[in-house]
Amino acid sequence: MLKQGKNIYAIETDNPLLGEFIAEKGSK
């Protein structure tokens, strides 16, 4: 689920690093 979320964020932001940052904040 975390990986899926990261992928979604990465696609939406078109920026893997930003996607991971958002995913981490979202998971917290």
PDB file of N, CA and C in Angstrom:
ATOM      1  N   MET A   1       0.839  -1.201   0.000  1.00  0.00           N
ATOM      2  CA  MET A   1       0.000   0.000   0.000  1.00  0.00           C
ATOM      3  C   MET A   1       0.882   1.262   0.000  1.00  0.00           C
ATOM      4  N   LEU A   2       1.945   1.249   0.773  1.00  0.00           N
ATOM      5  CA  LEU A   2       2.835   2.406   0.794  1.00  0.00           C
ATOM      6  C   LEU A   2       3.469   2.616  -0.576  1.00  0.00           C
ATOM      7  N   LYS A   3       3.923   1.497  -1.179  1.00  0.00           N
ATOM      8  CA  LYS A   3       4.541   1.602  -2.501  1.00  0.00           C
ATOM      9  C   LYS A   3       3.536   2.138  -3.509  1.00  0.00           C
ATOM     10  N   GLN A   4       2.290   1.639  -3.413  1.00  0.00           N
ATOM     11  CA  GLN A   4       1.247   2.091  -4.331  1.00  0.00           C
ATOM     12  C   GLN A   4       1.035   3.607  -4.164  1.00  0.00           C
ATOM     13  N   GLY A   5       0.958   4.039  -2.908  1.00  0.00           N
ATOM     14  CA  GLY A   5       0.758   5.452  -2.631  1.00  0.00           C
ATOM     15  C   GLY A   5       1.897   6.286  -3.199  1.00  0.00           C
ATOM     16  N   LYS A   6       3.123   5.814  -3.004  1.00  0.00           N
ATOM     17  CA  LYS A   6       4.278   6.544  -3.517  1.00  0.00           C
ATOM     18  C   LYS A   6       4.190   6.656  -5.033  1.00  0.00           C
ATOM     19  N   ASN A   7       3.804   5.549  -5.681  1.00  0.00           N
ATOM     20  CA  ASN A   7       3.691   5.569  -7.139  1.00  0.00           C
ATOM     21  C   ASN A   7       2.650   6.587  -7.581  1.00  0.00           C
ATOM     22  N   ILE A   8       1.515   6.597  -6.893  1.00  0.00           N
ATOM     23  CA  ILE A   8       0.440   7.531  -7.243  1.00  0.00           C
ATOM     24  C   ILE A   8       0.927   8.969  -7.063  1.00  0.00           C
ATOM     25  N   TYR A   9       1.542   9.250  -5.925  1.00  0.00           N
ATOM     26  CA  TYR A   9       2.036  10.608  -5.671  1.00  0.00           C
ATOM     27  C   TYR A   9       3.093  10.986  -6.700  1.00  0.00           C
ATOM     28  N   ALA A  10       3.984  10.057  -7.012  1.00  0.00           N
ATOM     29  CA  ALA A  10       5.050  10.329  -7.967  1.00  0.00           C
ATOM     30  C   ALA A  10       4.451  10.688  -9.320  1.00  0.00           C
ATOM     31  N   ILE A  11       3.380   9.974  -9.707  1.00  0.00           N
ATOM     32  CA  ILE A  11       2.746  10.246 -10.997  1.00  0.00           C
ATOM     33  C   ILE A  11       2.032  11.600 -10.945  1.00  0.00           C
ATOM     34  N   GLU A  12       1.297  11.844  -9.860  1.00  0.00           N
ATOM     35  CA  GLU A  12       0.517  13.081  -9.761  1.00  0.00           C
ATOM     36  C   GLU A  12       1.437  14.303  -9.725  1.00  0.00           C
ATOM     37  N   THR A  13       2.537  14.207  -8.992  1.00  0.00           N
ATOM     38  CA  THR A  13       3.443  15.338  -8.873  1.00  0.00           C
ATOM     39  C   THR A  13       4.466  15.323 -10.012  1.00  0.00           C
ATOM     40  N   ASP A  14       4.563  14.163 -10.714  1.00  0.00           N
ATOM     41  CA  ASP A  14       5.545  14.007 -11.797  1.00  0.00           C
ATOM     42  C   ASP A  14       6.949  14.244 -11.245  1.00  0.00           C
ATOM     43  N   ASN A  15       7.117  13.921  -9.948  1.00  0.00           N
ATOM     44  CA  ASN A  15       8.406  14.111  -9.289  1.00  0.00           C
ATOM     45  C   ASN A  15       8.549  13.043  -8.201  1.00  0.00           C
ATOM     46  N   PRO A  16       9.326  11.973  -8.456  1.00  0.00           N
ATOM     47  CA  PRO A  16       9.457  10.860  -7.500  1.00  0.00           C
ATOM     48  C   PRO A  16       9.888  11.323  -6.113  1.00  0.00           C
ATOM     49  N   LEU A  17      10.838  12.243  -6.035  1.00  0.00           N
ATOM     50  CA  LEU A  17      11.315  12.698  -4.725  1.00  0.00           C
ATOM     51  C   LEU A  17      10.200  13.412  -3.980  1.00  0.00           C
ATOM     52  N   LEU A  18       9.509  14.319  -4.667  1.00  0.00           N
ATOM     53  CA  LEU A  18       8.407  15.034  -4.025  1.00  0.00           C
ATOM     54  C   LEU A  18       7.309  14.050  -3.653  1.00  0.00           C
ATOM     55  N   GLY A  19       7.065  13.076  -4.523  1.00  0.00           N
ATOM     56  CA  GLY A  19       6.047  12.063  -4.245  1.00  0.00           C
ATOM     57  C   GLY A  19       6.370  11.304  -2.973  1.00  0.00           C
ATOM     58  N   GLU A  20       7.639  10.916  -2.813  1.00  0.00           N
ATOM     59  CA  GLU A  20       8.043  10.184  -1.594  1.00  0.00           C
ATOM     60  C   GLU A  20       7.859  11.070  -0.362  1.00  0.00           C
ATOM     61  N   PHE A  21       8.223  12.343  -0.476  1.00  0.00           N
ATOM     62  CA  PHE A  21       8.085  13.276   0.650  1.00  0.00           C
ATOM     63  C   PHE A  21       6.621  13.386   1.056  1.00  0.00           C
ATOM     64  N   ILE A  22       5.733  13.542   0.065  1.00  0.00           N
ATOM     65  CA  ILE A  22       4.297  13.654   0.353  1.00  0.00           C
ATOM     66  C   ILE A  22       3.799  12.337   0.943  1.00  0.00           C
ATOM     67  N   ALA A  23       4.257  11.224   0.378  1.00  0.00           N
ATOM     68  CA  ALA A  23       3.813   9.909   0.855  1.00  0.00           C
ATOM     69  C   ALA A  23       4.207   9.733   2.319  1.00  0.00           C
ATOM     70  N   GLU A  24       5.408  10.177   2.676  1.00  0.00           N
ATOM     71  CA  GLU A  24       5.854  10.051   4.071  1.00  0.00           C
ATOM     72  C   GLU A  24       4.988  10.912   4.980  1.00  0.00           C
ATOM     73  N   LYS A  25       4.702  12.142   4.574  1.00  0.00           N
ATOM     74  CA  LYS A  25       3.858  13.018   5.394  1.00  0.00           C
ATOM     75  C   LYS A  25       2.462  12.420   5.496  1.00  0.00           C
ATOM     76  N   GLY A  26       1.968  11.872   4.391  1.00  0.00           N
ATOM     77  CA  GLY A  26       0.628  11.290   4.390  1.00  0.00           C
ATOM     78  C   GLY A  26       0.539  10.079   5.304  1.00  0.00           C
ATOM     79  N   SER A  27       1.610   9.265   5.310  1.00  0.00           N
ATOM     80  CA  SER A  27       1.597   8.057   6.144  1.00  0.00           C
ATOM     81  C   SER A  27       1.630   8.433   7.624  1.00  0.00           C
ATOM     82  N   LYS A  28       2.210   9.566   7.947  1.00  0.00           N
ATOM     83  CA  LYS A  28       2.274  10.031   9.342  1.00  0.00           C
ATOM     84  C   LYS A  28       0.959  10.707   9.689  1.00  0.00           C
TER      85      LYS A  28
END
